[in-house]
């Protein structure tokens, strides 16, 4: 594919991917936490891992209500401050 003389960089995931790439550029990826959520179940489940996929916090269940969201935020906060 020809670039037609442009120096603009493109990301495989478009504008969202470009913004994400730019935000992470220069960041120590060991310190990036990912919260993976499986919301397509009767009981929602999440786990916390680092950028490289190493599980930091084992999967936990939560409900989609105020108490469940509070539980999830607590798990994320506890994990963040533990690291």
C-alpha atoms as a PDB file:
ATOM      1  CA  UNK A   1       0.000   0.000   0.000  1.00  0.00           C
ATOM      2  CA  UNK A   2       1.431   3.355  -1.022  1.00  0.00           C
ATOM      3  CA  UNK A   3       1.635   6.142   1.491  1.00  0.00           C
ATOM      4  CA  UNK A   4       1.159   8.825  -1.207  1.00  0.00           C
ATOM      5  CA  UNK A   5       3.843  10.999   0.365  1.00  0.00           C
ATOM      6  CA  UNK A   6       2.154  11.325   3.746  1.00  0.00           C
ATOM      7  CA  UNK A   7       4.049  10.862   6.988  1.00  0.00           C
ATOM      8  CA  UNK A   8       0.914  10.354   9.071  1.00  0.00           C
ATOM      9  CA  UNK A   9       0.992   7.157  11.140  1.00  0.00           C
ATOM     10  CA  UNK A  10      -1.949   4.801  11.062  1.00  0.00           C
ATOM     11  CA  UNK A  11      -2.878   2.239  13.682  1.00  0.00           C
ATOM     12  CA  UNK A  12      -4.477  -1.113  12.903  1.00  0.00           C
ATOM     13  CA  UNK A  13      -7.389  -0.207  15.220  1.00  0.00           C
ATOM     14  CA  UNK A  14      -7.922   3.272  13.783  1.00  0.00           C
ATOM     15  CA  UNK A  15      -8.231   6.454  15.838  1.00  0.00           C
ATOM     16  CA  UNK A  16      -8.990   4.649  19.123  1.00  0.00           C
ATOM     17  CA  UNK A  17      -5.894   2.495  18.716  1.00  0.00           C
ATOM     18  CA  UNK A  18      -3.791   5.553  17.900  1.00  0.00           C
ATOM     19  CA  UNK A  19      -4.977   7.380  21.018  1.00  0.00           C
ATOM     20  CA  UNK A  20      -4.332   4.308  23.186  1.00  0.00           C
ATOM     21  CA  UNK A  21      -0.857   3.878  21.665  1.00  0.00           C
ATOM     22  CA  UNK A  22      -0.039   7.548  22.268  1.00  0.00           C
ATOM     23  CA  UNK A  23      -1.211   7.344  25.891  1.00  0.00           C
ATOM     24  CA  UNK A  24       0.987   4.314  26.575  1.00  0.00           C
ATOM     25  CA  UNK A  25       4.079   5.540  24.768  1.00  0.00           C
ATOM     26  CA  UNK A  26       6.870   5.955  27.314  1.00  0.00           C
ATOM     27  CA  UNK A  27       4.888   4.348  30.171  1.00  0.00           C
ATOM     28  CA  UNK A  28       6.376   1.472  32.180  1.00  0.00           C
ATOM     29  CA  UNK A  29       4.020  -1.278  30.994  1.00  0.00           C
ATOM     30  CA  UNK A  30       4.702  -3.289  34.159  1.00  0.00           C
ATOM     31  CA  UNK A  31       2.609  -0.647  35.941  1.00  0.00           C
ATOM     32  CA  UNK A  32      -0.396  -0.791  33.579  1.00  0.00           C
ATOM     33  CA  UNK A  33      -3.360  -2.681  35.014  1.00  0.00           C
ATOM     34  CA  UNK A  34      -6.073  -4.199  32.828  1.00  0.00           C
ATOM     35  CA  UNK A  35      -9.516  -4.993  34.227  1.00  0.00           C
ATOM     36  CA  UNK A  36     -11.047  -7.725  32.067  1.00  0.00           C
ATOM     37  CA  UNK A  37     -14.817  -7.991  32.519  1.00  0.00           C
ATOM     38  CA  UNK A  38     -17.051 -10.794  31.293  1.00  0.00           C
ATOM     39  CA  UNK A  39     -20.466  -9.170  31.403  1.00  0.00           C
ATOM     40  CA  UNK A  40     -22.275 -11.727  29.235  1.00  0.00           C
ATOM     41  CA  UNK A  41     -23.034 -14.084  32.094  1.00  0.00           C
ATOM     42  CA  UNK A  42     -25.780 -14.354  34.680  1.00  0.00           C
ATOM     43  CA  UNK A  43     -23.170 -13.244  37.245  1.00  0.00           C
ATOM     44  CA  UNK A  44     -20.575 -10.793  35.935  1.00  0.00           C
ATOM     45  CA  UNK A  45     -16.952 -11.754  36.442  1.00  0.00           C
ATOM     46  CA  UNK A  46     -13.745  -9.725  36.327  1.00  0.00           C
ATOM     47  CA  UNK A  47     -10.043 -10.200  36.843  1.00  0.00           C
ATOM     48  CA  UNK A  48      -7.115  -7.831  37.033  1.00  0.00           C
ATOM     49  CA  UNK A  49      -3.969  -8.452  35.027  1.00  0.00           C
ATOM     50  CA  UNK A  50      -0.982  -6.467  33.881  1.00  0.00           C
ATOM     51  CA  UNK A  51      -0.408  -5.303  30.311  1.00  0.00           C
ATOM     52  CA  UNK A  52       1.390  -8.559  29.499  1.00  0.00           C
ATOM     53  CA  UNK A  53      -1.507 -10.757  30.663  1.00  0.00           C
ATOM     54  CA  UNK A  54      -0.062 -11.891  33.996  1.00  0.00           C
ATOM     55  CA  UNK A  55      -2.994 -12.315  36.396  1.00  0.00           C
ATOM     56  CA  UNK A  56      -2.572  -9.970  39.354  1.00  0.00           C
ATOM     57  CA  UNK A  57      -5.945 -10.572  41.037  1.00  0.00           C
ATOM     58  CA  UNK A  58      -7.841 -13.816  40.531  1.00  0.00           C
ATOM     59  CA  UNK A  59     -11.312 -13.642  38.963  1.00  0.00           C
ATOM     60  CA  UNK A  60     -14.084 -12.313  41.169  1.00  0.00           C
ATOM     61  CA  UNK A  61     -17.842 -12.067  40.695  1.00  0.00           C
ATOM     62  CA  UNK A  62     -19.851  -8.877  41.038  1.00  0.00           C
ATOM     63  CA  UNK A  63     -23.380  -7.674  40.360  1.00  0.00           C
ATOM     64  CA  UNK A  64     -24.393  -4.804  38.128  1.00  0.00           C
ATOM     65  CA  UNK A  65     -25.767  -2.649  40.900  1.00  0.00           C
ATOM     66  CA  UNK A  66     -24.354  -0.097  43.327  1.00  0.00           C
ATOM     67  CA  UNK A  67     -22.985  -2.747  45.706  1.00  0.00           C
ATOM     68  CA  UNK A  68     -21.377  -4.740  42.893  1.00  0.00           C
ATOM     69  CA  UNK A  69     -19.744  -1.701  41.314  1.00  0.00           C
ATOM     70  CA  UNK A  70     -18.462  -0.677  44.738  1.00  0.00           C
ATOM     71  CA  UNK A  71     -16.987  -4.165  45.172  1.00  0.00           C
ATOM     72  CA  UNK A  72     -15.254  -3.932  41.789  1.00  0.00           C
ATOM     73  CA  UNK A  73     -13.859  -0.490  42.502  1.00  0.00           C
ATOM     74  CA  UNK A  74     -12.605  -1.754  45.866  1.00  0.00           C
ATOM     75  CA  UNK A  75     -10.811  -4.700  44.230  1.00  0.00           C
ATOM     76  CA  UNK A  76      -9.164  -2.399  41.696  1.00  0.00           C
ATOM     77  CA  UNK A  77      -8.130   0.122  44.351  1.00  0.00           C
ATOM     78  CA  UNK A  78      -6.757  -2.546  46.677  1.00  0.00           C
ATOM     79  CA  UNK A  79      -4.768  -4.121  43.845  1.00  0.00           C
ATOM     80  CA  UNK A  80      -3.460  -0.737  42.694  1.00  0.00           C
ATOM     81  CA  UNK A  81      -2.209   0.266  46.145  1.00  0.00           C
ATOM     82  CA  UNK A  82      -0.771  -3.215  46.823  1.00  0.00           C
ATOM     83  CA  UNK A  83       1.509  -2.901  43.795  1.00  0.00           C
END
